[in-house]
PDB file of N, CA and C in Angstrom:
ATOM      1  N   MET A   1     114.037 112.567 101.200  1.00  0.00           N
ATOM      2  CA  MET A   1     112.939 113.094 100.407  1.00  0.00           C
ATOM      3  C   MET A   1     111.994 111.953 100.019  1.00  0.00           C
ATOM      4  N   ILE A   2     110.727 112.187 100.159  1.00  0.00           N
ATOM      5  CA  ILE A   2     109.712 111.188  99.872  1.00  0.00           C
ATOM      6  C   ILE A   2     109.363 111.223  98.383  1.00  0.00           C
ATOM      7  N   LYS A   3     109.276 110.065  97.768  1.00  0.00           N
ATOM      8  CA  LYS A   3     108.898 109.971  96.353  1.00  0.00           C
ATOM      9  C   LYS A   3     107.384 110.059  96.227  1.00  0.00           C
ATOM     10  N   SER A   4     106.916 110.502  95.063  1.00  0.00           N
ATOM     11  CA  SER A   4     105.483 110.738  94.879  1.00  0.00           C
ATOM     12  C   SER A   4     104.646 109.474  95.041  1.00  0.00           C
ATOM     13  N   ASN A   5     105.168 108.305  94.639  1.00  0.00           N
ATOM     14  CA  ASN A   5     104.352 107.088  94.786  1.00  0.00           C
ATOM     15  C   ASN A   5     104.168 106.725  96.264  1.00  0.00           C
ATOM     16  N   LEU A   6     105.183 106.943  97.096  1.00  0.00           N
ATOM     17  CA  LEU A   6     105.043 106.709  98.533  1.00  0.00           C
ATOM     18  C   LEU A   6     104.101 107.755  99.146  1.00  0.00           C
ATOM     19  N   ALA A   7     104.194 108.987  98.674  1.00  0.00           N
ATOM     20  CA  ALA A   7     103.310 110.047  99.168  1.00  0.00           C
ATOM     21  C   ALA A   7     101.849 109.711  98.851  1.00  0.00           C
ATOM     22  N   GLU A   8     101.588 109.222  97.640  1.00  0.00           N
ATOM     23  CA  GLU A   8     100.224 108.841  97.279  1.00  0.00           C
ATOM     24  C   GLU A   8      99.733 107.695  98.150  1.00  0.00           C
ATOM     25  N   LYS A   9     100.593 106.729  98.412  1.00  0.00           N
ATOM     26  CA  LYS A   9     100.225 105.589  99.260  1.00  0.00           C
ATOM     27  C   LYS A   9      99.856 106.072 100.665  1.00  0.00           C
ATOM     28  N   LYS A  10     100.682 106.947 101.237  1.00  0.00           N
ATOM     29  CA  LYS A  10     100.407 107.453 102.583  1.00  0.00           C
ATOM     30  C   LYS A  10      99.157 108.336 102.604  1.00  0.00           C
ATOM     31  N   ALA A  11      98.935 109.103 101.547  1.00  0.00           N
ATOM     32  CA  ALA A  11      97.732 109.935 101.478  1.00  0.00           C
ATOM     33  C   ALA A  11      96.483 109.054 101.406  1.00  0.00           C
ATOM     34  N   LEU A  12      96.555 107.951 100.671  1.00  0.00           N
ATOM     35  CA  LEU A  12      95.431 107.013 100.620  1.00  0.00           C
ATOM     36  C   LEU A  12      95.204 106.360 101.979  1.00  0.00           C
ATOM     37  N   GLU A  13      96.280 106.061 102.689  1.00  0.00           N
ATOM     38  CA  GLU A  13      96.146 105.516 104.045  1.00  0.00           C
ATOM     39  C   GLU A  13      95.472 106.544 104.959  1.00  0.00           C
ATOM     40  N   ALA A  14      95.843 107.815 104.783  1.00  0.00           N
ATOM     41  CA  ALA A  14      95.220 108.876 105.580  1.00  0.00           C
ATOM     42  C   ALA A  14      93.733 108.985 105.247  1.00  0.00           C
ATOM     43  N   LEU A  15      93.392 108.879 103.977  1.00  0.00           N
ATOM     44  CA  LEU A  15      91.986 108.915 103.571  1.00  0.00           C
ATOM     45  C   LEU A  15      91.226 107.741 104.182  1.00  0.00           C
ATOM     46  N   HIS A  16      91.837 106.585 104.201  1.00  0.00           N
ATOM     47  CA  HIS A  16      91.213 105.416 104.819  1.00  0.00           C
ATOM     48  C   HIS A  16      90.983 105.668 106.307  1.00  0.00           C
ATOM     49  N   TRP A  17      91.973 106.265 106.965  1.00  0.00           N
ATOM     50  CA  TRP A  17      91.838 106.595 108.390  1.00  0.00           C
ATOM     51  C   TRP A  17      90.678 107.572 108.606  1.00  0.00           C
ATOM     52  N   ILE A  18      90.600 108.611 107.770  1.00  0.00           N
ATOM     53  CA  ILE A  18      89.515 109.590 107.877  1.00  0.00           C
ATOM     54  C   ILE A  18      88.166 108.898 107.704  1.00  0.00           C
ATOM     55  N   SER A  19      88.079 108.034 106.714  1.00  0.00           N
ATOM     56  CA  SER A  19      86.794 107.402 106.393  1.00  0.00           C
ATOM     57  C   SER A  19      86.299 106.461 107.490  1.00  0.00           C
ATOM     58  N   ARG A  20      87.202 105.966 108.328  1.00  0.00           N
ATOM     59  CA  ARG A  20      86.809 105.062 109.407  1.00  0.00           C
ATOM     60  C   ARG A  20      86.334 105.804 110.658  1.00  0.00           C
ATOM     61  N   ASN A  21      86.505 107.117 110.697  1.00  0.00           N
ATOM     62  CA  ASN A  21      86.134 107.911 111.862  1.00  0.00           C
ATOM     63  C   ASN A  21      85.021 108.879 111.449  1.00  0.00           C
ATOM     64  N   GLU A  22      83.831 108.657 111.959  1.00  0.00           N
ATOM     65  CA  GLU A  22      82.669 109.424 111.522  1.00  0.00           C
ATOM     66  C   GLU A  22      82.838 110.934 111.683  1.00  0.00           C
ATOM     67  N   SER A  23      83.388 111.384 112.805  1.00  0.00           N
ATOM     68  CA  SER A  23      83.534 112.831 112.997  1.00  0.00           C
ATOM     69  C   SER A  23      84.577 113.408 112.048  1.00  0.00           C
ATOM     70  N   HIS A  24      85.676 112.707 111.837  1.00  0.00           N
ATOM     71  CA  HIS A  24      86.673 113.196 110.879  1.00  0.00           C
ATOM     72  C   HIS A  24      86.107 113.191 109.459  1.00  0.00           C
ATOM     73  N   LEU A  25      85.377 112.146 109.112  1.00  0.00           N
ATOM     74  CA  LEU A  25      84.796 112.078 107.769  1.00  0.00           C
ATOM     75  C   LEU A  25      83.826 113.229 107.544  1.00  0.00           C
ATOM     76  N   THR A  26      82.961 113.474 108.515  1.00  0.00           N
ATOM     77  CA  THR A  26      82.004 114.573 108.400  1.00  0.00           C
ATOM     78  C   THR A  26      82.726 115.906 108.247  1.00  0.00           C
ATOM     79  N   ASN A  27      83.720 116.156 109.094  1.00  0.00           N
ATOM     80  CA  ASN A  27      84.480 117.413 109.016  1.00  0.00           C
ATOM     81  C   ASN A  27      85.211 117.540 107.692  1.00  0.00           C
ATOM     82  N   PHE A  28      85.847 116.460 107.238  1.00  0.00           N
ATOM     83  CA  PHE A  28      86.572 116.484 105.971  1.00  0.00           C
ATOM     84  C   PHE A  28      85.630 116.828 104.822  1.00  0.00           C
ATOM     85  N   LEU A  29      84.488 116.171 104.768  1.00  0.00           N
ATOM     86  CA  LEU A  29      83.538 116.430 103.690  1.00  0.00           C
ATOM     87  C   LEU A  29      83.014 117.858 103.738  1.00  0.00           C
ATOM     88  N   GLU A  30      82.716 118.360 104.939  1.00  0.00           N
ATOM     89  CA  GLU A  30      82.218 119.729 105.070  1.00  0.00           C
ATOM     90  C   GLU A  30      83.276 120.756 104.680  1.00  0.00           C
ATOM     91  N   GLU A  31      84.514 120.545 105.116  1.00  0.00           N
ATOM     92  CA  GLU A  31      85.582 121.505 104.828  1.00  0.00           C
ATOM     93  C   GLU A  31      85.924 121.566 103.348  1.00  0.00           C
ATOM     94  N   ASN A  32      85.794 120.453 102.637  1.00  0.00           N
ATOM     95  CA  ASN A  32      86.203 120.401 101.240  1.00  0.00           C
ATOM     96  C   ASN A  32      85.046 120.449 100.262  1.00  0.00           C
ATOM     97  N   GLY A  33      83.826 120.431 100.767  1.00  0.00           N
ATOM     98  CA  GLY A  33      82.674 120.440  99.882  1.00  0.00           C
ATOM     99  C   GLY A  33      82.566 119.147  99.082  1.00  0.00           C
ATOM    100  N   ALA A  34      83.183 118.097  99.583  1.00  0.00           N
ATOM    101  CA  ALA A  34      83.182 116.811  98.891  1.00  0.00           C
ATOM    102  C   ALA A  34      81.998 115.971  99.359  1.00  0.00           C
ATOM    103  N   SER A  35      81.758 114.910  98.622  1.00  0.00           N
ATOM    104  CA  SER A  35      80.728 113.944  98.993  1.00  0.00           C
ATOM    105  C   SER A  35      81.383 112.573  99.132  1.00  0.00           C
ATOM    106  N   VAL A  36      80.646 111.642  99.676  1.00  0.00           N
ATOM    107  CA  VAL A  36      81.171 110.284  99.806  1.00  0.00           C
ATOM    108  C   VAL A  36      81.502 109.726  98.425  1.00  0.00           C
ATOM    109  N   SER A  37      80.687 110.033  97.430  1.00  0.00           N
ATOM    110  CA  SER A  37      80.983 109.536  96.076  1.00  0.00           C
ATOM    111  C   SER A  37      82.278 110.136  95.532  1.00  0.00           C
ATOM    112  N   ASP A  38      82.625 111.360  95.945  1.00  0.00           N
ATOM    113  CA  ASP A  38      83.905 111.954  95.543  1.00  0.00           C
ATOM    114  C   ASP A  38      85.066 111.127  96.058  1.00  0.00           C
ATOM    115  N   ILE A  39      84.926 110.597  97.265  1.00  0.00           N
ATOM    116  CA  ILE A  39      85.997 109.791  97.838  1.00  0.00           C
ATOM    117  C   ILE A  39      86.277 108.594  96.943  1.00  0.00           C
ATOM    118  N   PHE A  40      85.214 107.936  96.493  1.00  0.00           N
ATOM    119  CA  PHE A  40      85.397 106.768  95.635  1.00  0.00           C
ATOM    120  C   PHE A  40      85.871 107.157  94.240  1.00  0.00           C
ATOM    121  N   GLY A  41      85.350 108.248  93.720  1.00  0.00           N
ATOM    122  CA  GLY A  41      85.677 108.650  92.349  1.00  0.00           C
ATOM    123  C   GLY A  41      86.986 109.393  92.190  1.00  0.00           C
ATOM    124  N   ARG A  42      87.431 110.062  93.250  1.00  0.00           N
ATOM    125  CA  ARG A  42      88.595 110.940  93.105  1.00  0.00           C
ATOM    126  C   ARG A  42      89.773 110.538  93.982  1.00  0.00           C
ATOM    127  N   ALA A  43      89.697 109.417  94.653  1.00  0.00           N
ATOM    128  CA  ALA A  43      90.718 109.027  95.632  1.00  0.00           C
ATOM    129  C   ALA A  43      92.119 108.923  95.045  1.00  0.00           C
ATOM    130  N   LYS A  44      92.255 108.674  93.770  1.00  0.00           N
ATOM    131  CA  LYS A  44      93.585 108.538  93.158  1.00  0.00           C
ATOM    132  C   LYS A  44      94.088 109.849  92.530  1.00  0.00           C
ATOM    133  N   GLU A  45      93.268 110.890  92.554  1.00  0.00           N
ATOM    134  CA  GLU A  45      93.668 112.168  91.965  1.00  0.00           C
ATOM    135  C   GLU A  45      94.574 112.930  92.939  1.00  0.00           C
ATOM    136  N   PRO A  46      95.735 113.371  92.473  1.00  0.00           N
ATOM    137  CA  PRO A  46      96.649 114.109  93.360  1.00  0.00           C
ATOM    138  C   PRO A  46      95.996 115.325  94.020  1.00  0.00           C
ATOM    139  N   GLU A  47      95.153 116.037  93.294  1.00  0.00           N
ATOM    140  CA  GLU A  47      94.490 117.216  93.866  1.00  0.00           C
ATOM    141  C   GLU A  47      93.612 116.816  95.055  1.00  0.00           C
ATOM    142  N   PHE A  48      92.887 115.725  94.935  1.00  0.00           N
ATOM    143  CA  PHE A  48      92.030 115.264  96.026  1.00  0.00           C
ATOM    144  C   PHE A  48      92.878 114.794  97.204  1.00  0.00           C
ATOM    145  N   LEU A  49      93.989 114.120  96.902  1.00  0.00           N
ATOM    146  CA  LEU A  49      94.878 113.663  97.970  1.00  0.00           C
ATOM    147  C   LEU A  49      95.495 114.847  98.712  1.00  0.00           C
ATOM    148  N   LEU A  50      95.689 115.972  98.018  1.00  0.00           N
ATOM    149  CA  LEU A  50      96.148 117.189  98.700  1.00  0.00           C
ATOM    150  C   LEU A  50      95.105 117.650  99.712  1.00  0.00           C
ATOM    151  N   PHE A  51      93.814 117.577  99.336  1.00  0.00           N
ATOM    152  CA  PHE A  51      92.748 117.929 100.275  1.00  0.00           C
ATOM    153  C   PHE A  51      92.822 117.055 101.517  1.00  0.00           C
ATOM    154  N   VAL A  52      93.087 115.771 101.302  1.00  0.00           N
ATOM    155  CA  VAL A  52      93.189 114.825 102.419  1.00  0.00           C
ATOM    156  C   VAL A  52      94.296 115.261 103.370  1.00  0.00           C
ATOM    157  N   LEU A  53      95.463 115.542 102.813  1.00  0.00           N
ATOM    158  CA  LEU A  53      96.602 115.903 103.661  1.00  0.00           C
ATOM    159  C   LEU A  53      96.425 117.271 104.297  1.00  0.00           C
ATOM    160  N   GLU A  54      95.792 118.186 103.598  1.00  0.00           N
ATOM    161  CA  GLU A  54      95.523 119.487 104.209  1.00  0.00           C
ATOM    162  C   GLU A  54      94.580 119.344 105.399  1.00  0.00           C
ATOM    163  N   TYR A  55      93.613 118.447 105.283  1.00  0.00           N
ATOM    164  CA  TYR A  55      92.743 118.186 106.437  1.00  0.00           C
ATOM    165  C   TYR A  55      93.572 117.607 107.584  1.00  0.00           C
ATOM    166  N   CYS A  56      94.423 116.649 107.273  1.00  0.00           N
ATOM    167  CA  CYS A  56      95.236 116.006 108.313  1.00  0.00           C
ATOM    168  C   CYS A  56      96.184 116.998 108.981  1.00  0.00           C
ATOM    169  N   LEU A  57      96.552 118.041 108.268  1.00  0.00           N
ATOM    170  CA  LEU A  57      97.450 119.054 108.813  1.00  0.00           C
ATOM    171  C   LEU A  57      96.700 120.247 109.403  1.00  0.00           C
ATOM    172  N   SER A  58      95.367 120.200 109.399  1.00  0.00           N
ATOM    173  CA  SER A  58      94.590 121.374 109.798  1.00  0.00           C
ATOM    174  C   SER A  58      94.701 121.728 111.273  1.00  0.00           C
ATOM    175  N   THR A  59      94.937 120.748 112.128  1.00  0.00           N
ATOM    176  CA  THR A  59      95.170 121.030 113.544  1.00  0.00           C
ATOM    177  C   THR A  59      96.262 120.100 114.052  1.00  0.00           C
ATOM    178  N   ASP A  60      96.914 120.512 115.114  1.00  0.00           N
ATOM    179  CA  ASP A  60      97.942 119.644 115.707  1.00  0.00           C
ATOM    180  C   ASP A  60      97.346 118.319 116.159  1.00  0.00           C
ATOM    181  N   GLU A  61      96.164 118.386 116.741  1.00  0.00           N
ATOM    182  CA  GLU A  61      95.519 117.170 117.243  1.00  0.00           C
ATOM    183  C   GLU A  61      95.260 116.165 116.121  1.00  0.00           C
ATOM    184  N   ILE A  62      94.712 116.650 115.010  1.00  0.00           N
ATOM    185  CA  ILE A  62      94.432 115.759 113.881  1.00  0.00           C
ATOM    186  C   ILE A  62      95.739 115.226 113.297  1.00  0.00           C
ATOM    187  N   ALA A  63      96.741 116.091 113.162  1.00  0.00           N
ATOM    188  CA  ALA A  63      98.030 115.660 112.611  1.00  0.00           C
ATOM    189  C   ALA A  63      98.655 114.566 113.464  1.00  0.00           C
ATOM    190  N   ILE A  64      98.619 114.737 114.756  1.00  0.00           N
ATOM    191  CA  ILE A  64      99.212 113.744 115.665  1.00  0.00           C
ATOM    192  C   ILE A  64      98.440 112.433 115.593  1.00  0.00           C
ATOM    193  N   GLU A  65      97.125 112.520 115.601  1.00  0.00           N
ATOM    194  CA  GLU A  65      96.295 111.315 115.542  1.00  0.00           C
ATOM    195  C   GLU A  65      96.496 110.563 114.220  1.00  0.00           C
ATOM    196  N   CYS A  66      96.515 111.302 113.122  1.00  0.00           N
ATOM    197  CA  CYS A  66      96.714 110.690 111.808  1.00  0.00           C
ATOM    198  C   CYS A  66      98.107 110.067 111.708  1.00  0.00           C
ATOM    199  N   ALA A  67      99.118 110.802 112.126  1.00  0.00           N
ATOM    200  CA  ALA A  67     100.488 110.294 112.059  1.00  0.00           C
ATOM    201  C   ALA A  67     100.652 109.028 112.887  1.00  0.00           C
ATOM    202  N   ARG A  68     100.025 109.004 114.031  1.00  0.00           N
ATOM    203  CA  ARG A  68     100.085 107.799 114.880  1.00  0.00           C
ATOM    204  C   ARG A  68      99.497 106.614 114.122  1.00  0.00           C
ATOM    205  N   GLU A  69      98.369 106.836 113.464  1.00  0.00           N
ATOM    206  CA  GLU A  69      97.712 105.774 112.707  1.00  0.00           C
ATOM    207  C   GLU A  69      98.571 105.302 111.526  1.00  0.00           C
ATOM    208  N   LEU A  70      99.298 106.238 110.902  1.00  0.00           N
ATOM    209  CA  LEU A  70     100.135 105.900 109.746  1.00  0.00           C
ATOM    210  C   LEU A  70     101.534 105.445 110.150  1.00  0.00           C
ATOM    211  N   SER A  71     101.802 105.446 111.446  1.00  0.00           N
ATOM    212  CA  SER A  71     103.123 105.066 111.984  1.00  0.00           C
ATOM    213  C   SER A  71     104.247 105.926 111.418  1.00  0.00           C
ATOM    214  N   ILE A  72     103.991 107.238 111.411  1.00  0.00           N
ATOM    215  CA  ILE A  72     104.999 108.196 110.962  1.00  0.00           C
ATOM    216  C   ILE A  72     105.075 109.333 111.966  1.00  0.00           C
ATOM    217  N   ASP A  73     106.101 110.143 111.832  1.00  0.00           N
ATOM    218  CA  ASP A  73     106.237 111.349 112.636  1.00  0.00           C
ATOM    219  C   ASP A  73     105.249 112.390 112.087  1.00  0.00           C
ATOM    220  N   PRO A  74     104.559 113.144 112.945  1.00  0.00           N
ATOM    221  CA  PRO A  74     103.619 114.153 112.452  1.00  0.00           C
ATOM    222  C   PRO A  74     104.247 115.140 111.462  1.00  0.00           C
ATOM    223  N   ASN A  75     105.528 115.442 111.625  1.00  0.00           N
ATOM    224  CA  ASN A  75     106.191 116.365 110.699  1.00  0.00           C
ATOM    225  C   ASN A  75     106.276 115.808 109.282  1.00  0.00           C
ATOM    226  N   GLN A  76     106.202 114.497 109.150  1.00  0.00           N
ATOM    227  CA  GLN A  76     106.271 113.891 107.822  1.00  0.00           C
ATOM    228  C   GLN A  76     105.017 114.143 106.998  1.00  0.00           C
ATOM    229  N   LEU A  77     103.913 114.497 107.630  1.00  0.00           N
ATOM    230  CA  LEU A  77     102.697 114.778 106.871  1.00  0.00           C
ATOM    231  C   LEU A  77     102.913 115.926 105.894  1.00  0.00           C
ATOM    232  N   ALA A  78     103.594 116.966 106.324  1.00  0.00           N
ATOM    233  CA  ALA A  78     103.875 118.099 105.431  1.00  0.00           C
ATOM    234  C   ALA A  78     104.831 117.681 104.314  1.00  0.00           C
ATOM    235  N   GLU A  79     105.780 116.831 104.637  1.00  0.00           N
ATOM    236  CA  GLU A  79     106.712 116.336 103.632  1.00  0.00           C
ATOM    237  C   GLU A  79     105.972 115.476 102.595  1.00  0.00           C
ATOM    238  N   ILE A  80     105.047 114.661 103.060  1.00  0.00           N
ATOM    239  CA  ILE A  80     104.246 113.840 102.155  1.00  0.00           C
ATOM    240  C   ILE A  80     103.415 114.736 101.253  1.00  0.00           C
ATOM    241  N   ARG A  81     102.799 115.764 101.838  1.00  0.00           N
ATOM    242  CA  ARG A  81     101.993 116.701 101.046  1.00  0.00           C
ATOM    243  C   ARG A  81     102.839 117.345  99.955  1.00  0.00           C
ATOM    244  N   SER A  82     104.032 117.778 100.304  1.00  0.00           N
ATOM    245  CA  SER A  82     104.870 118.464  99.321  1.00  0.00           C
ATOM    246  C   SER A  82     105.398 117.528  98.237  1.00  0.00           C
ATOM    247  N   ALA A  83     105.369 116.220  98.466  1.00  0.00           N
ATOM    248  CA  ALA A  83     105.832 115.259  97.457  1.00  0.00           C
ATOM    249  C   ALA A  83     104.766 114.948  96.414  1.00  0.00           C
ATOM    250  N   LEU A  84     103.527 115.337  96.683  1.00  0.00           N
ATOM    251  CA  LEU A  84     102.460 115.112  95.703  1.00  0.00           C
ATOM    252  C   LEU A  84     102.501 116.179  94.623  1.00  0.00           C
ATOM    253  N   PRO A  85     102.110 115.840  93.396  1.00  0.00           N
ATOM    254  CA  PRO A  85     102.039 116.853  92.341  1.00  0.00           C
ATOM    255  C   PRO A  85     101.125 117.997  92.768  1.00  0.00           C
ATOM    256  N   GLY A  86     101.631 119.220  92.697  1.00  0.00           N
ATOM    257  CA  GLY A  86     100.870 120.396  93.102  1.00  0.00           C
ATOM    258  C   GLY A  86     100.982 120.731  94.575  1.00  0.00           C
ATOM    259  N   GLY A  87     101.700 119.914  95.322  1.00  0.00           N
ATOM    260  CA  GLY A  87     101.795 120.131  96.762  1.00  0.00           C
ATOM    261  C   GLY A  87     103.042 120.868  97.203  1.00  0.00           C
ATOM    262  N   GLU A  88     103.803 121.361  96.241  1.00  0.00           N
ATOM    263  CA  GLU A  88     105.032 122.064  96.578  1.00  0.00           C
ATOM    264  C   GLU A  88     104.726 123.284  97.444  1.00  0.00           C
ATOM    265  N   ILE A  89     105.601 123.512  98.392  1.00  0.00           N
ATOM    266  CA  ILE A  89     105.468 124.683  99.266  1.00  0.00           C
ATOM    267  C   ILE A  89     106.415 125.760  98.727  1.00  0.00           C
ATOM    268  N   TYR A  90     105.855 126.920  98.481  1.00  0.00           N
ATOM    269  CA  TYR A  90     106.663 127.995  97.918  1.00  0.00           C
ATOM    270  C   TYR A  90     107.095 128.969  98.999  1.00  0.00           C
ATOM    271  N   ASN A  91     108.295 129.428  98.885  1.00  0.00           N
ATOM    272  CA  ASN A  91     108.816 130.453  99.771  1.00  0.00           C
ATOM    273  C   ASN A  91     108.971 131.717  98.936  1.00  0.00           C
ATOM    274  N   TRP A  92     108.087 132.665  99.138  1.00  0.00           N
ATOM    275  CA  TRP A  92     108.053 133.863  98.302  1.00  0.00           C
ATOM    276  C   TRP A  92     109.022 134.940  98.787  1.00  0.00           C
ATOM    277  N   ILE A  93     109.724 134.673  99.847  1.00  0.00           N
ATOM    278  CA  ILE A  93     110.628 135.688 100.381  1.00  0.00           C
ATOM    279  C   ILE A  93     111.984 135.572  99.733  1.00  0.00           C
TER     280      ILE A  93
END
């Protein structure tokens, strides 16, 4: 199980990866209604980091590319997301 401080670190690394790729940055900002100033102002907020990880998990291609950059297994992205405050996955069944 991933601890929240490691999850935040990996989410920040994912945000850094997004910010270095113009097409990913544009898509991330459009999908979340965020601005570049939001990245600087909200980067440490767990809610914003959830947006980052949800973007990274939005397609298999993005998940694989992001995971490769973070040197983790793509399946760990969901585990990292669930370790952040508010990122718990609920099973309603």
